[in-house]
Amino acid sequence: MRSMTFRRCKTKSLMLKNTSTPTSISDCFAEPSYLFKIMNRDQLQNDYIESIIDGMDHKDLWQYVYDTMEQNLETYSDEELVTEVKDYYPHLLEPESGTSISELEATASDYGVGK
């Protein structure tokens, strides 16, 4: 087995396995497996997620949540989906009343709008 030598990357205090002097900050990230010997993976992951979220607007966040939930729910069986809906939004399983908008408008008080 070959012995490895490590050097400290001066620009970010990261350990790398070669002994050449780093020429750029990207040299310090060339060996990700060595990066985590110095840096906390959980903190890096948390910072990365927060940076992505900070860069999203309301519509991006809505679309991401929708797509993620859709992918997750596609893996459910019909029974699992019905159970999930029943637990959180049971009104979605109730039969529709069949009342149309025009029928509701006919019974509404006349406020001078929409009639």
Protein backbone atom coordinates (compact mmCIF):
# COMPACT_ATOMS: atom_id res chain seq x y z
CA MET A 1 0.00 0.00 0.00
CA ARG A 2 1.31 3.41 -0.95
CA SER A 3 1.54 5.97 1.82
CA MET A 4 -0.26 9.24 1.24
CA THR A 5 1.06 12.63 2.01
CA PHE A 6 -1.26 15.50 2.80
CA ARG A 7 -0.83 19.21 2.58
CA ARG A 8 -3.00 21.97 3.86
CA CYS A 9 -4.64 24.11 1.23
CA LYS A 10 -3.74 27.62 2.36
CA THR A 11 -6.75 29.29 0.79
CA LYS A 12 -9.43 27.36 2.71
CA SER A 13 -7.57 25.16 5.23
CA LEU A 14 -8.56 21.94 3.48
CA MET A 15 -6.42 18.83 3.37
CA LEU A 16 -5.48 17.40 -0.02
CA LYS A 17 -3.41 14.35 -0.85
CA ASN A 18 -0.87 15.84 -3.23
CA THR A 19 1.96 18.09 -2.16
CA SER A 20 1.87 20.70 -4.92
CA THR A 21 0.94 24.25 -4.09
CA PRO A 22 -2.66 25.12 -4.95
CA THR A 23 -2.96 27.43 -7.94
CA SER A 24 -6.62 28.33 -7.33
CA ILE A 25 -9.45 27.85 -4.88
CA SER A 26 -10.84 25.09 -7.14
CA ASP A 27 -7.70 23.06 -6.42
CA CYS A 28 -8.81 22.91 -2.81
CA PHE A 29 -12.07 21.22 -3.81
CA ALA A 30 -10.54 18.71 -6.21
CA GLU A 31 -10.68 15.91 -3.62
CA PRO A 32 -14.16 15.91 -2.00
CA SER A 33 -13.48 12.80 0.09
CA TYR A 34 -10.68 14.66 1.85
CA LEU A 35 -12.77 17.78 2.23
CA PHE A 36 -14.99 16.12 4.83
CA LYS A 37 -12.05 15.24 7.06
CA ILE A 38 -11.85 18.95 7.82
CA MET A 39 -15.30 20.34 7.02
CA ASN A 40 -18.58 19.33 8.65
CA ARG A 41 -20.70 17.60 5.98
CA ASP A 42 -23.97 18.37 7.76
CA GLN A 43 -23.17 22.07 7.91
CA LEU A 44 -22.12 22.15 4.25
CA GLN A 45 -25.32 20.35 3.23
CA ASN A 46 -27.45 22.69 5.34
CA ASP A 47 -25.74 25.79 3.91
CA TYR A 48 -26.16 24.45 0.36
CA ILE A 49 -29.89 23.78 0.84
CA GLU A 50 -30.46 27.19 2.40
CA SER A 51 -28.60 28.89 -0.46
CA ILE A 52 -30.74 27.14 -3.04
CA ILE A 53 -33.95 28.05 -1.20
CA ASP A 54 -32.82 31.65 -0.74
CA GLY A 55 -32.39 31.88 -4.52
CA MET A 56 -35.96 30.74 -5.23
CA ASP A 57 -38.99 32.94 -5.55
CA HIS A 58 -42.51 31.98 -4.41
CA LYS A 59 -43.40 30.35 -7.74
CA ASP A 60 -40.17 28.31 -7.80
CA LEU A 61 -40.80 27.06 -4.26
CA TRP A 62 -44.42 26.18 -5.07
CA GLN A 63 -43.37 24.27 -8.21
CA TYR A 64 -40.61 22.42 -6.36
CA VAL A 65 -42.95 21.35 -3.55
CA TYR A 66 -45.61 20.31 -6.06
CA ASP A 67 -43.18 18.24 -8.16
CA THR A 68 -41.64 16.60 -5.08
CA MET A 69 -45.02 15.70 -3.61
CA GLU A 70 -46.26 14.41 -6.97
CA GLN A 71 -43.20 12.15 -7.33
CA ASN A 72 -43.67 10.89 -3.79
CA LEU A 73 -47.41 10.24 -4.15
CA GLU A 74 -46.91 8.38 -7.44
CA THR A 75 -45.19 5.65 -5.42
CA TYR A 76 -48.30 5.17 -3.21
CA SER A 77 -50.80 2.45 -3.91
CA ASP A 78 -54.44 3.54 -4.34
CA GLU A 79 -55.15 2.40 -0.78
CA GLU A 80 -52.20 4.34 0.66
CA LEU A 81 -53.26 7.48 -1.21
CA VAL A 82 -56.84 7.25 0.05
CA THR A 83 -55.58 6.67 3.61
CA GLU A 84 -53.29 9.69 3.38
CA VAL A 85 -56.05 11.93 2.05
CA LYS A 86 -58.51 10.61 4.66
CA ASP A 87 -56.04 11.43 7.46
CA TYR A 88 -55.32 15.01 6.38
CA TYR A 89 -58.04 16.24 3.98
CA PRO A 90 -61.12 14.00 4.35
CA HIS A 91 -63.37 16.56 2.66
CA LEU A 92 -61.63 15.70 -0.62
CA LEU A 93 -63.22 12.25 -0.46
CA GLU A 94 -66.76 13.54 0.01
CA PRO A 95 -68.99 13.35 -3.07
CA GLU A 96 -69.49 16.63 -4.87
CA SER A 97 -72.82 18.31 -4.23
CA GLY A 98 -73.46 18.86 -7.91
CA THR A 99 -74.41 22.47 -7.29
CA SER A 100 -73.22 24.70 -10.10
CA ILE A 101 -72.09 28.30 -9.80
CA SER A 102 -75.20 29.55 -11.57
CA GLU A 103 -77.41 27.66 -9.08
CA LEU A 104 -75.55 29.28 -6.19
CA GLU A 105 -75.83 32.72 -7.78
CA ALA A 106 -79.60 32.26 -8.15
CA THR A 107 -79.97 31.77 -4.38
CA ALA A 108 -77.52 34.50 -3.34
CA SER A 109 -78.56 37.92 -2.11
CA ASP A 110 -78.36 40.64 -4.72
CA TYR A 111 -75.35 42.79 -3.86
CA GLY A 112 -75.34 44.38 -7.32
CA VAL A 113 -72.35 42.38 -8.45
CA GLY A 114 -72.45 39.38 -10.73
CA LYS A 115 -76.15 39.47 -11.56
